[in-house]
Amino acid sequence: IVGCATALFAATIGMAQNDIKRVLAYSTVSQLGYMFMAMGVGAFTAGIFHVMTHAFFKALLFLGSGSVIHAMHHEQDMQKMGGLIKRMPITGYTYTIGALAISGFPLLTAGFFSKDEILWQSYASPLGNVVLLAVGVFAALLTAFYMFRSVGLTFFGASRVDPHLEHHVK
């Protein structure tokens, strides 16, 4: 129950953030909630699997955010970005792949398989129930929402980069 509540609570906080690193930080807390939910229902292998998958896609996301922050001269507010895919295509595409992985994009990412196993065990194990499953699925949907919000605000749409910095963004 604590892991499930943590996953949901941190995901709702992540939705309200505009700082790219804070989105990723609250996302990490939310994913830790999933891991603890797995432990709570006895799905130890699924929890460890999610620890491993999360380490890789979160590293990709933090490297991408660091690249963006560096290019933006230490600006972290996603509302002051936009359109960066044109200037930073490799960063944009790799960050998007990381967002797909953490969102659990079906059948193509390790994040799908690790989250799916946790969600299944949160229902099917002797300690699981339908409420844990429902809240876990809702938290997963929130994760997908705030991660693709970060992708959209940072890399797509009209540029909101300060005109004084525009020519410096690589």
Protein backbone atom coordinates (compact mmCIF):
# COMPACT_ATOMS: atom_id res chain seq x y z
CA ILE A 1 0.00 0.00 0.00
CA VAL A 2 2.86 2.38 0.83
CA GLY A 3 4.57 1.66 -2.51
CA CYS A 4 1.32 2.13 -4.41
CA ALA A 5 0.61 5.43 -2.64
CA THR A 6 4.18 6.60 -3.28
CA ALA A 7 3.92 5.80 -6.99
CA LEU A 8 0.69 7.77 -7.26
CA PHE A 9 1.65 10.71 -5.05
CA ALA A 10 5.03 11.30 -6.72
CA ALA A 11 3.47 10.98 -10.18
CA THR A 12 0.94 13.70 -9.36
CA ILE A 13 3.76 15.97 -8.14
CA GLY A 14 5.74 15.23 -11.32
CA MET A 15 2.81 16.45 -13.40
CA ALA A 16 2.98 19.88 -11.77
CA GLN A 17 6.70 20.47 -12.36
CA ASN A 18 8.19 22.71 -15.05
CA ASP A 19 11.85 22.13 -14.15
CA ILE A 20 13.09 19.29 -16.38
CA LYS A 21 15.27 17.79 -13.63
CA ARG A 22 12.46 17.92 -11.08
CA VAL A 23 10.17 16.04 -13.46
CA LEU A 24 12.79 13.31 -13.65
CA ALA A 25 13.42 13.39 -9.89
CA TYR A 26 9.74 12.94 -8.99
CA SER A 27 9.51 10.31 -11.68
CA THR A 28 12.29 8.42 -9.91
CA VAL A 29 10.36 8.55 -6.63
CA SER A 30 7.25 7.31 -8.42
CA GLN A 31 9.18 4.39 -9.93
CA LEU A 32 10.60 3.57 -6.50
CA GLY A 33 6.97 3.34 -5.41
CA TYR A 34 6.43 0.67 -8.07
CA MET A 35 9.48 -1.20 -6.84
CA PHE A 36 8.22 -1.13 -3.26
CA MET A 37 4.76 -2.15 -4.41
CA ALA A 38 6.39 -5.20 -5.99
CA MET A 39 8.22 -5.98 -2.75
CA GLY A 40 5.01 -5.54 -0.76
CA VAL A 41 3.14 -8.17 -2.77
CA GLY A 42 6.08 -10.56 -2.78
CA ALA A 43 7.10 -9.97 -6.41
CA PHE A 44 10.80 -9.63 -5.60
CA THR A 45 12.06 -10.61 -9.06
CA ALA A 46 9.75 -8.08 -10.73
CA GLY A 47 10.92 -5.35 -8.34
CA ILE A 48 14.59 -6.06 -9.02
CA PHE A 49 13.89 -6.24 -12.76
CA HIS A 50 12.30 -2.78 -12.58
CA VAL A 51 15.30 -1.46 -10.62
CA MET A 52 17.56 -2.58 -13.47
CA THR A 53 15.41 -1.33 -16.33
CA HIS A 54 14.78 1.95 -14.53
CA ALA A 55 18.51 2.51 -14.04
CA PHE A 56 19.12 2.41 -17.78
CA PHE A 57 16.25 4.52 -19.05
CA LYS A 58 16.55 7.05 -16.24
CA ALA A 59 20.28 7.42 -16.97
CA LEU A 60 19.35 8.12 -20.60
CA LEU A 61 16.80 10.71 -19.51
CA PHE A 62 19.15 12.48 -17.09
CA LEU A 63 21.92 12.56 -19.71
CA GLY A 64 19.45 14.08 -22.18
CA SER A 65 18.24 16.65 -19.69
CA GLY A 66 21.83 17.56 -18.86
CA SER A 67 22.56 18.06 -22.54
CA VAL A 68 19.53 20.34 -22.85
CA ILE A 69 20.41 22.30 -19.71
CA HIS A 70 23.98 22.78 -20.93
CA ALA A 71 22.81 23.93 -24.37
CA MET A 72 20.33 26.31 -22.75
CA HIS A 73 23.07 27.86 -20.56
CA HIS A 74 21.74 26.26 -17.37
CA GLU A 75 18.06 27.03 -17.99
CA GLN A 76 15.93 24.19 -16.57
CA ASP A 77 12.41 25.59 -17.06
CA MET A 78 10.76 23.61 -19.85
CA GLN A 79 8.37 26.49 -20.45
CA LYS A 80 11.35 28.46 -21.75
CA MET A 81 12.34 25.79 -24.26
CA GLY A 82 10.48 24.29 -27.19
CA GLY A 83 11.51 23.42 -30.71
CA LEU A 84 14.88 22.04 -29.60
CA ILE A 85 14.51 18.92 -31.77
CA LYS A 86 15.72 21.02 -34.72
CA ARG A 87 18.92 22.03 -32.95
CA MET A 88 19.50 18.91 -30.87
CA PRO A 89 18.03 15.98 -32.84
CA ILE A 90 20.12 13.20 -31.27
CA THR A 91 19.31 14.43 -27.76
CA GLY A 92 15.65 14.84 -28.69
CA TYR A 93 15.28 11.38 -30.14
CA THR A 94 17.19 9.61 -27.37
CA TYR A 95 15.23 11.50 -24.70
CA THR A 96 12.02 10.42 -26.46
CA ILE A 97 13.21 6.80 -26.42
CA GLY A 98 13.82 7.13 -22.68
CA ALA A 99 10.33 8.60 -22.24
CA LEU A 100 8.85 5.67 -24.17
CA ALA A 101 10.75 3.22 -21.95
CA ILE A 102 9.72 4.79 -18.62
CA SER A 103 6.14 5.07 -19.88
CA GLY A 104 6.12 1.34 -20.53
CA PHE A 105 5.50 1.57 -24.27
CA PRO A 106 3.95 -1.81 -25.14
CA LEU A 107 6.13 -4.67 -26.34
CA LEU A 108 9.08 -2.49 -27.43
CA THR A 109 10.67 -1.40 -24.16
CA ALA A 110 12.03 -3.10 -21.07
CA GLY A 111 9.96 -0.63 -19.02
CA PHE A 112 6.81 -2.26 -20.39
CA PHE A 113 7.87 -5.72 -19.28
CA SER A 114 9.05 -4.67 -15.81
CA LYS A 115 5.99 -2.51 -15.06
CA ASP A 116 3.65 -5.08 -16.54
CA GLU A 117 5.01 -7.77 -14.24
CA ILE A 118 4.67 -5.51 -11.20
CA LEU A 119 1.11 -4.58 -12.13
CA TRP A 120 0.19 -8.20 -12.80
CA GLN A 121 1.67 -9.34 -9.48
CA SER A 122 -0.04 -6.47 -7.64
CA TYR A 123 -3.29 -8.10 -8.70
CA ALA A 124 -2.58 -11.81 -9.00
CA SER A 125 -0.27 -12.51 -6.07
CA PRO A 126 -1.77 -13.68 -2.76
CA LEU A 127 -1.06 -10.22 -1.29
CA GLY A 128 -2.38 -8.29 -4.30
CA ASN A 129 -5.81 -6.93 -5.09
CA VAL A 130 -7.70 -4.99 -7.74
CA VAL A 131 -7.22 -1.64 -5.96
CA LEU A 132 -3.43 -1.94 -6.13
CA LEU A 133 -3.72 -2.80 -9.82
CA ALA A 134 -6.06 0.12 -10.57
CA VAL A 135 -3.96 2.69 -8.72
CA GLY A 136 -0.78 1.28 -10.30
CA VAL A 137 -2.25 1.55 -13.79
CA PHE A 138 -3.41 5.11 -13.08
CA ALA A 139 0.08 6.06 -11.85
CA ALA A 140 1.53 4.52 -15.03
CA LEU A 141 -0.79 6.67 -17.14
CA LEU A 142 0.28 9.76 -15.19
CA THR A 143 3.91 8.81 -15.82
CA ALA A 144 3.29 8.63 -19.56
CA PHE A 145 1.51 11.99 -19.43
CA TYR A 146 4.20 13.96 -17.58
CA MET A 147 7.05 12.35 -19.50
CA PHE A 148 5.54 13.21 -22.87
CA ARG A 149 4.66 16.64 -21.54
CA SER A 150 8.40 17.08 -20.91
CA VAL A 151 9.21 15.82 -24.41
CA GLY A 152 6.66 18.17 -25.97
CA LEU A 153 7.59 21.25 -23.98
CA THR A 154 11.32 20.73 -24.49
CA PHE A 155 11.70 19.45 -28.02
CA PHE A 156 8.55 20.17 -30.00
CA GLY A 157 6.24 23.07 -30.73
CA ALA A 158 7.26 26.66 -31.18
CA SER A 159 10.57 27.76 -29.72
CA ARG A 160 10.23 29.72 -26.49
CA VAL A 161 14.01 30.11 -26.13
CA ASP A 162 15.15 33.58 -25.06
CA PRO A 163 16.16 35.41 -28.29
CA HIS A 164 19.47 36.35 -26.65
CA LEU A 165 20.28 32.64 -26.22
CA GLU A 166 18.78 31.42 -29.50
CA HIS A 167 22.03 31.60 -31.48
CA HIS A 168 23.97 29.83 -28.68
CA VAL A 169 21.77 26.73 -28.53
CA LYS A 170 23.62 23.98 -30.42
